[in-house]
């Protein structure tokens, strides 16, 4: 498999992750392990906004493959976003805000995502 195909797979995965809270908010909250009393209109709105962001990040990566944006930018921007996620996810973990399972799973997604984008960057030659 060539690097462009790998990046398109990563981009598609990011879009799917983004679609999940938009089309299936309740199952997404449950899958991540958020307490049922946290399932409310505010949480769903924030999840959907997060979903839109992830869809946009996937589109940026795909645009890099097509040469619409510089590939190094697309990959680094995705990786940097995941680093930012890691930082903000650490806050409820460190403060023990009773969402440890959800935060830990989200942290796993962020670490895996960042690693994937950095791997793609190294394979791309950036």
N, C-alpha and C. Protein backbone atom coordinates (compact mmCIF):
# COMPACT_ATOMS: atom_id res chain seq x y z
N UNK A 1 0.84 -1.18 0.00
CA UNK A 1 0.00 0.00 0.00
C UNK A 1 0.89 1.24 0.00
N UNK A 2 0.56 2.19 -0.85
CA UNK A 2 1.36 3.41 -0.90
C UNK A 2 0.92 4.39 0.20
N UNK A 3 1.75 5.38 0.45
CA UNK A 3 1.53 6.33 1.54
C UNK A 3 0.24 7.12 1.33
N UNK A 4 -0.03 7.52 0.10
CA UNK A 4 -1.26 8.28 -0.17
C UNK A 4 -2.50 7.47 0.21
N UNK A 5 -2.50 6.20 -0.10
CA UNK A 5 -3.65 5.35 0.26
C UNK A 5 -3.78 5.23 1.77
N UNK A 6 -2.66 5.08 2.46
CA UNK A 6 -2.67 5.01 3.92
C UNK A 6 -3.25 6.29 4.52
N UNK A 7 -2.82 7.43 4.00
CA UNK A 7 -3.32 8.72 4.50
C UNK A 7 -4.81 8.85 4.23
N UNK A 8 -5.27 8.40 3.07
CA UNK A 8 -6.70 8.46 2.78
C UNK A 8 -7.50 7.56 3.73
N UNK A 9 -6.92 6.43 4.11
CA UNK A 9 -7.58 5.56 5.10
C UNK A 9 -7.66 6.27 6.44
N UNK A 10 -6.55 6.90 6.87
CA UNK A 10 -6.57 7.66 8.12
C UNK A 10 -7.60 8.78 8.05
N UNK A 11 -7.66 9.46 6.91
CA UNK A 11 -8.62 10.56 6.74
C UNK A 11 -10.05 10.03 6.84
N UNK A 12 -10.31 8.91 6.19
CA UNK A 12 -11.66 8.32 6.24
C UNK A 12 -12.03 7.91 7.66
N UNK A 13 -11.06 7.36 8.39
CA UNK A 13 -11.31 6.99 9.78
C UNK A 13 -11.66 8.22 10.61
N UNK A 14 -10.97 9.32 10.35
CA UNK A 14 -11.25 10.56 11.08
C UNK A 14 -12.66 11.04 10.77
N UNK A 15 -13.06 10.95 9.52
CA UNK A 15 -14.42 11.37 9.13
C UNK A 15 -15.46 10.48 9.81
N UNK A 16 -15.23 9.17 9.84
CA UNK A 16 -16.17 8.25 10.49
C UNK A 16 -16.28 8.57 11.98
N UNK A 17 -15.15 8.82 12.62
CA UNK A 17 -15.17 9.20 14.04
C UNK A 17 -15.96 10.49 14.22
N UNK A 18 -15.82 11.41 13.28
CA UNK A 18 -16.56 12.66 13.35
C UNK A 18 -18.05 12.48 13.12
N UNK A 19 -18.42 11.56 12.25
CA UNK A 19 -19.84 11.32 11.97
C UNK A 19 -20.56 10.66 13.15
N UNK A 20 -19.84 9.86 13.92
CA UNK A 20 -20.47 9.09 15.00
C UNK A 20 -21.31 9.95 15.95
N UNK A 21 -20.77 11.02 16.54
CA UNK A 21 -21.60 11.80 17.47
C UNK A 21 -22.69 12.62 16.77
N UNK A 22 -22.57 12.79 15.47
CA UNK A 22 -23.60 13.53 14.73
C UNK A 22 -24.80 12.64 14.45
N UNK A 23 -24.55 11.42 14.00
CA UNK A 23 -25.65 10.53 13.61
C UNK A 23 -26.06 9.57 14.72
N UNK A 24 -25.22 9.37 15.72
CA UNK A 24 -25.53 8.43 16.80
C UNK A 24 -24.96 8.96 18.12
N UNK A 25 -25.51 10.06 18.59
CA UNK A 25 -24.96 10.71 19.79
C UNK A 25 -25.02 9.81 21.02
N UNK A 26 -26.18 9.25 21.30
CA UNK A 26 -26.32 8.42 22.51
C UNK A 26 -25.39 7.21 22.48
N UNK A 27 -25.38 6.42 21.40
CA UNK A 27 -24.45 5.28 21.38
C UNK A 27 -22.98 5.71 21.48
N UNK A 28 -22.64 6.86 20.91
CA UNK A 28 -21.26 7.35 21.00
C UNK A 28 -20.88 7.66 22.44
N UNK A 29 -21.79 8.32 23.16
CA UNK A 29 -21.53 8.63 24.57
C UNK A 29 -21.40 7.35 25.38
N UNK A 30 -22.25 6.37 25.10
CA UNK A 30 -22.19 5.10 25.82
C UNK A 30 -20.90 4.34 25.51
N UNK A 31 -20.54 4.31 24.22
CA UNK A 31 -19.34 3.61 23.80
C UNK A 31 -18.10 4.16 24.50
N UNK A 32 -18.05 5.47 24.64
CA UNK A 32 -16.90 6.09 25.30
C UNK A 32 -16.97 5.96 26.82
N UNK A 33 -18.12 5.57 27.35
CA UNK A 33 -18.21 5.34 28.78
C UNK A 33 -18.62 6.53 29.61
N UNK A 34 -19.25 7.52 28.99
CA UNK A 34 -19.73 8.65 29.78
C UNK A 34 -20.91 8.19 30.64
N UNK A 35 -21.01 8.68 31.87
CA UNK A 35 -22.15 8.31 32.72
C UNK A 35 -23.47 8.72 32.06
N UNK A 36 -24.51 7.93 32.28
CA UNK A 36 -25.80 8.21 31.63
C UNK A 36 -26.36 9.56 32.02
N UNK A 37 -26.06 10.04 33.22
CA UNK A 37 -26.58 11.35 33.61
C UNK A 37 -25.85 12.50 32.90
N UNK A 38 -24.81 12.19 32.16
CA UNK A 38 -24.12 13.21 31.36
C UNK A 38 -24.69 13.30 29.94
N UNK A 39 -25.63 12.42 29.63
CA UNK A 39 -26.25 12.43 28.30
C UNK A 39 -27.38 13.46 28.30
N UNK A 40 -27.05 14.65 27.83
CA UNK A 40 -28.04 15.73 27.77
C UNK A 40 -27.82 16.54 26.50
N UNK A 41 -28.67 17.52 26.28
CA UNK A 41 -28.59 18.31 25.05
C UNK A 41 -27.24 19.02 24.91
N UNK A 42 -26.69 19.50 26.01
CA UNK A 42 -25.40 20.19 25.96
C UNK A 42 -24.29 19.24 25.54
N UNK A 43 -24.25 18.06 26.14
CA UNK A 43 -23.22 17.08 25.79
C UNK A 43 -23.34 16.65 24.33
N UNK A 44 -24.57 16.50 23.87
CA UNK A 44 -24.77 16.10 22.47
C UNK A 44 -24.33 17.20 21.52
N UNK A 45 -24.64 18.45 21.86
CA UNK A 45 -24.20 19.57 21.03
C UNK A 45 -22.68 19.62 20.96
N UNK A 46 -22.02 19.52 22.10
CA UNK A 46 -20.56 19.57 22.12
C UNK A 46 -19.96 18.39 21.35
N UNK A 47 -20.57 17.22 21.49
CA UNK A 47 -20.10 16.06 20.73
C UNK A 47 -20.25 16.26 19.24
N UNK A 48 -21.35 16.87 18.84
CA UNK A 48 -21.57 17.12 17.41
C UNK A 48 -20.59 18.16 16.88
N UNK A 49 -20.30 19.18 17.69
CA UNK A 49 -19.29 20.16 17.27
C UNK A 49 -17.93 19.49 17.12
N UNK A 50 -17.60 18.62 18.04
CA UNK A 50 -16.36 17.84 17.95
C UNK A 50 -16.36 17.00 16.68
N UNK A 51 -17.53 16.44 16.35
CA UNK A 51 -17.65 15.64 15.14
C UNK A 51 -17.38 16.44 13.88
N UNK A 52 -17.94 17.65 13.83
CA UNK A 52 -17.70 18.52 12.68
C UNK A 52 -16.21 18.81 12.54
N UNK A 53 -15.56 19.04 13.68
CA UNK A 53 -14.12 19.30 13.67
C UNK A 53 -13.36 18.11 13.09
N UNK A 54 -13.71 16.90 13.52
CA UNK A 54 -13.01 15.72 13.02
C UNK A 54 -13.26 15.49 11.54
N UNK A 55 -14.47 15.76 11.09
CA UNK A 55 -14.74 15.65 9.65
C UNK A 55 -13.85 16.62 8.89
N UNK A 56 -13.76 17.85 9.37
CA UNK A 56 -12.90 18.85 8.72
C UNK A 56 -11.44 18.43 8.69
N UNK A 57 -10.97 17.83 9.78
CA UNK A 57 -9.58 17.38 9.82
C UNK A 57 -9.34 16.25 8.82
N UNK A 58 -10.31 15.36 8.69
CA UNK A 58 -10.18 14.30 7.68
C UNK A 58 -10.15 14.86 6.27
N UNK A 59 -10.98 15.88 6.03
CA UNK A 59 -11.01 16.52 4.71
C UNK A 59 -9.68 17.20 4.42
N UNK A 60 -9.09 17.84 5.43
CA UNK A 60 -7.78 18.49 5.23
C UNK A 60 -6.73 17.44 4.83
N UNK A 61 -6.75 16.28 5.50
CA UNK A 61 -5.79 15.23 5.16
C UNK A 61 -6.01 14.73 3.73
N UNK A 62 -7.26 14.52 3.36
CA UNK A 62 -7.55 14.09 1.99
C UNK A 62 -7.14 15.16 0.98
N UNK A 63 -7.34 16.42 1.34
CA UNK A 63 -6.93 17.52 0.46
C UNK A 63 -5.42 17.54 0.29
N UNK A 64 -4.69 17.13 1.32
CA UNK A 64 -3.24 17.03 1.20
C UNK A 64 -2.84 15.99 0.17
N UNK A 65 -3.53 14.86 0.19
CA UNK A 65 -3.23 13.81 -0.79
C UNK A 65 -3.48 14.32 -2.21
N UNK A 66 -4.52 15.10 -2.37
CA UNK A 66 -4.88 15.62 -3.70
C UNK A 66 -4.07 16.86 -4.09
N UNK A 67 -3.19 17.32 -3.19
CA UNK A 67 -2.35 18.47 -3.50
C UNK A 67 -3.03 19.82 -3.33
N UNK A 68 -4.20 19.84 -2.71
CA UNK A 68 -4.93 21.09 -2.51
C UNK A 68 -4.30 21.91 -1.38
N UNK A 69 -3.83 21.22 -0.36
CA UNK A 69 -3.06 21.86 0.72
C UNK A 69 -1.74 21.11 0.84
N UNK A 70 -0.71 21.74 1.37
CA UNK A 70 0.56 21.02 1.54
C UNK A 70 0.39 19.82 2.48
N UNK A 71 0.90 18.69 2.07
CA UNK A 71 0.74 17.47 2.86
C UNK A 71 1.36 17.60 4.24
N UNK A 72 2.55 18.20 4.33
CA UNK A 72 3.17 18.36 5.64
C UNK A 72 2.24 19.13 6.58
N UNK A 73 1.61 20.19 6.07
CA UNK A 73 0.67 20.96 6.88
C UNK A 73 -0.50 20.09 7.33
N UNK A 74 -1.09 19.35 6.41
CA UNK A 74 -2.26 18.53 6.74
C UNK A 74 -1.94 17.51 7.82
N UNK A 75 -0.80 16.85 7.70
CA UNK A 75 -0.43 15.82 8.67
C UNK A 75 -0.05 16.42 10.01
N UNK A 76 0.74 17.49 9.99
CA UNK A 76 1.12 18.14 11.25
C UNK A 76 -0.08 18.77 11.95
N UNK A 77 -1.01 19.34 11.19
CA UNK A 77 -2.20 19.95 11.78
C UNK A 77 -3.06 18.88 12.47
N UNK A 78 -3.21 17.73 11.84
CA UNK A 78 -3.95 16.63 12.47
C UNK A 78 -3.23 16.15 13.72
N UNK A 79 -1.92 15.96 13.64
CA UNK A 79 -1.16 15.50 14.81
C UNK A 79 -1.22 16.53 15.94
N UNK A 80 -1.08 17.80 15.61
CA UNK A 80 -1.13 18.86 16.63
C UNK A 80 -2.50 18.91 17.30
N UNK A 81 -3.54 18.69 16.53
CA UNK A 81 -4.88 18.67 17.11
C UNK A 81 -5.00 17.53 18.11
N UNK A 82 -4.44 16.38 17.77
CA UNK A 82 -4.48 15.25 18.70
C UNK A 82 -3.65 15.53 19.95
N UNK A 83 -2.54 16.23 19.81
CA UNK A 83 -1.75 16.61 20.99
C UNK A 83 -2.58 17.54 21.88
N UNK A 84 -3.26 18.49 21.26
CA UNK A 84 -4.15 19.37 22.03
C UNK A 84 -5.22 18.58 22.75
N UNK A 85 -5.78 17.59 22.06
CA UNK A 85 -6.78 16.72 22.70
C UNK A 85 -6.18 16.01 23.91
N UNK A 86 -4.95 15.51 23.77
CA UNK A 86 -4.31 14.82 24.89
C UNK A 86 -4.21 15.73 26.11
N UNK A 87 -3.84 16.97 25.88
CA UNK A 87 -3.69 17.92 26.99
C UNK A 87 -5.03 18.15 27.68
N UNK A 88 -6.08 18.43 26.90
CA UNK A 88 -7.36 18.73 27.54
C UNK A 88 -8.02 17.48 28.13
N UNK A 89 -7.74 16.32 27.58
CA UNK A 89 -8.27 15.08 28.14
C UNK A 89 -7.60 14.76 29.47
N UNK A 90 -6.34 15.14 29.61
CA UNK A 90 -5.62 14.87 30.86
C UNK A 90 -6.25 15.61 32.05
N UNK A 91 -6.88 16.73 31.79
CA UNK A 91 -7.43 17.54 32.89
C UNK A 91 -8.45 16.76 33.72
N UNK A 92 -9.51 16.19 33.11
CA UNK A 92 -10.45 15.44 33.96
C UNK A 92 -9.84 14.17 34.56
N UNK A 93 -8.83 13.61 33.91
CA UNK A 93 -8.16 12.45 34.50
C UNK A 93 -7.39 12.86 35.75
N UNK A 94 -6.65 13.94 35.66
CA UNK A 94 -5.86 14.39 36.80
C UNK A 94 -6.73 14.91 37.94
N UNK A 95 -7.84 15.52 37.60
CA UNK A 95 -8.74 16.07 38.62
C UNK A 95 -9.75 15.05 39.13
N UNK A 96 -9.71 13.86 38.56
CA UNK A 96 -10.62 12.79 38.98
C UNK A 96 -12.07 13.26 38.95
N UNK A 97 -12.52 13.66 37.76
CA UNK A 97 -13.84 14.26 37.60
C UNK A 97 -14.92 13.24 37.24
N UNK A 98 -14.70 11.99 37.60
CA UNK A 98 -15.69 10.93 37.48
C UNK A 98 -16.04 10.57 36.03
N UNK A 99 -15.13 10.83 35.14
CA UNK A 99 -15.29 10.37 33.75
C UNK A 99 -14.01 9.67 33.31
N UNK A 100 -13.40 8.95 34.24
CA UNK A 100 -12.11 8.31 33.96
C UNK A 100 -12.16 7.38 32.75
N UNK A 101 -13.20 6.55 32.65
CA UNK A 101 -13.26 5.61 31.53
C UNK A 101 -13.37 6.36 30.21
N UNK A 102 -14.26 7.33 30.15
CA UNK A 102 -14.44 8.10 28.92
C UNK A 102 -13.17 8.87 28.57
N UNK A 103 -12.55 9.47 29.57
CA UNK A 103 -11.33 10.24 29.31
C UNK A 103 -10.19 9.32 28.88
N UNK A 104 -10.07 8.16 29.52
CA UNK A 104 -8.99 7.24 29.16
C UNK A 104 -9.17 6.71 27.74
N UNK A 105 -10.41 6.37 27.37
CA UNK A 105 -10.65 5.92 25.99
C UNK A 105 -10.38 7.04 24.99
N UNK A 106 -10.80 8.24 25.33
CA UNK A 106 -10.55 9.39 24.45
C UNK A 106 -9.06 9.65 24.32
N UNK A 107 -8.34 9.50 25.43
CA UNK A 107 -6.89 9.68 25.40
C UNK A 107 -6.26 8.63 24.48
N UNK A 108 -6.75 7.41 24.55
CA UNK A 108 -6.25 6.36 23.66
C UNK A 108 -6.46 6.70 22.20
N UNK A 109 -7.64 7.24 21.87
CA UNK A 109 -7.90 7.67 20.49
C UNK A 109 -6.93 8.77 20.08
N UNK A 110 -6.70 9.73 20.98
CA UNK A 110 -5.82 10.85 20.65
C UNK A 110 -4.38 10.39 20.45
N UNK A 111 -3.90 9.51 21.32
CA UNK A 111 -2.53 9.00 21.19
C UNK A 111 -2.39 8.19 19.90
N UNK A 112 -3.37 7.33 19.63
CA UNK A 112 -3.32 6.54 18.39
C UNK A 112 -3.38 7.43 17.17
N UNK A 113 -4.25 8.43 17.20
CA UNK A 113 -4.36 9.34 16.07
C UNK A 113 -3.09 10.11 15.83
N UNK A 114 -2.53 10.68 16.89
CA UNK A 114 -1.28 11.44 16.75
C UNK A 114 -0.17 10.54 16.20
N UNK A 115 -0.09 9.34 16.72
CA UNK A 115 0.93 8.40 16.25
C UNK A 115 0.74 8.08 14.77
N UNK A 116 -0.50 7.89 14.36
CA UNK A 116 -0.78 7.58 12.95
C UNK A 116 -0.37 8.74 12.05
N UNK A 117 -0.72 9.97 12.43
CA UNK A 117 -0.37 11.13 11.60
C UNK A 117 1.14 11.33 11.54
N UNK A 118 1.83 11.11 12.66
CA UNK A 118 3.29 11.26 12.65
C UNK A 118 3.95 10.14 11.84
N UNK A 119 3.39 8.94 11.91
CA UNK A 119 3.89 7.85 11.07
C UNK A 119 3.71 8.21 9.60
N UNK A 120 2.53 8.70 9.26
CA UNK A 120 2.27 9.10 7.87
C UNK A 120 3.24 10.19 7.43
N UNK A 121 3.51 11.14 8.32
CA UNK A 121 4.45 12.22 8.00
C UNK A 121 5.84 11.65 7.73
N UNK A 122 6.28 10.70 8.55
CA UNK A 122 7.61 10.12 8.34
C UNK A 122 7.66 9.32 7.04
N UNK A 123 6.59 8.63 6.72
CA UNK A 123 6.55 7.88 5.46
C UNK A 123 6.45 8.80 4.26
N UNK A 124 5.77 9.92 4.43
CA UNK A 124 5.62 10.89 3.35
C UNK A 124 6.96 11.55 3.05
N UNK A 125 7.78 11.67 4.09
CA UNK A 125 9.10 12.26 3.90
C UNK A 125 9.23 13.65 4.49
N UNK A 126 8.25 14.03 5.31
CA UNK A 126 8.27 15.37 5.91
C UNK A 126 9.10 15.46 7.15
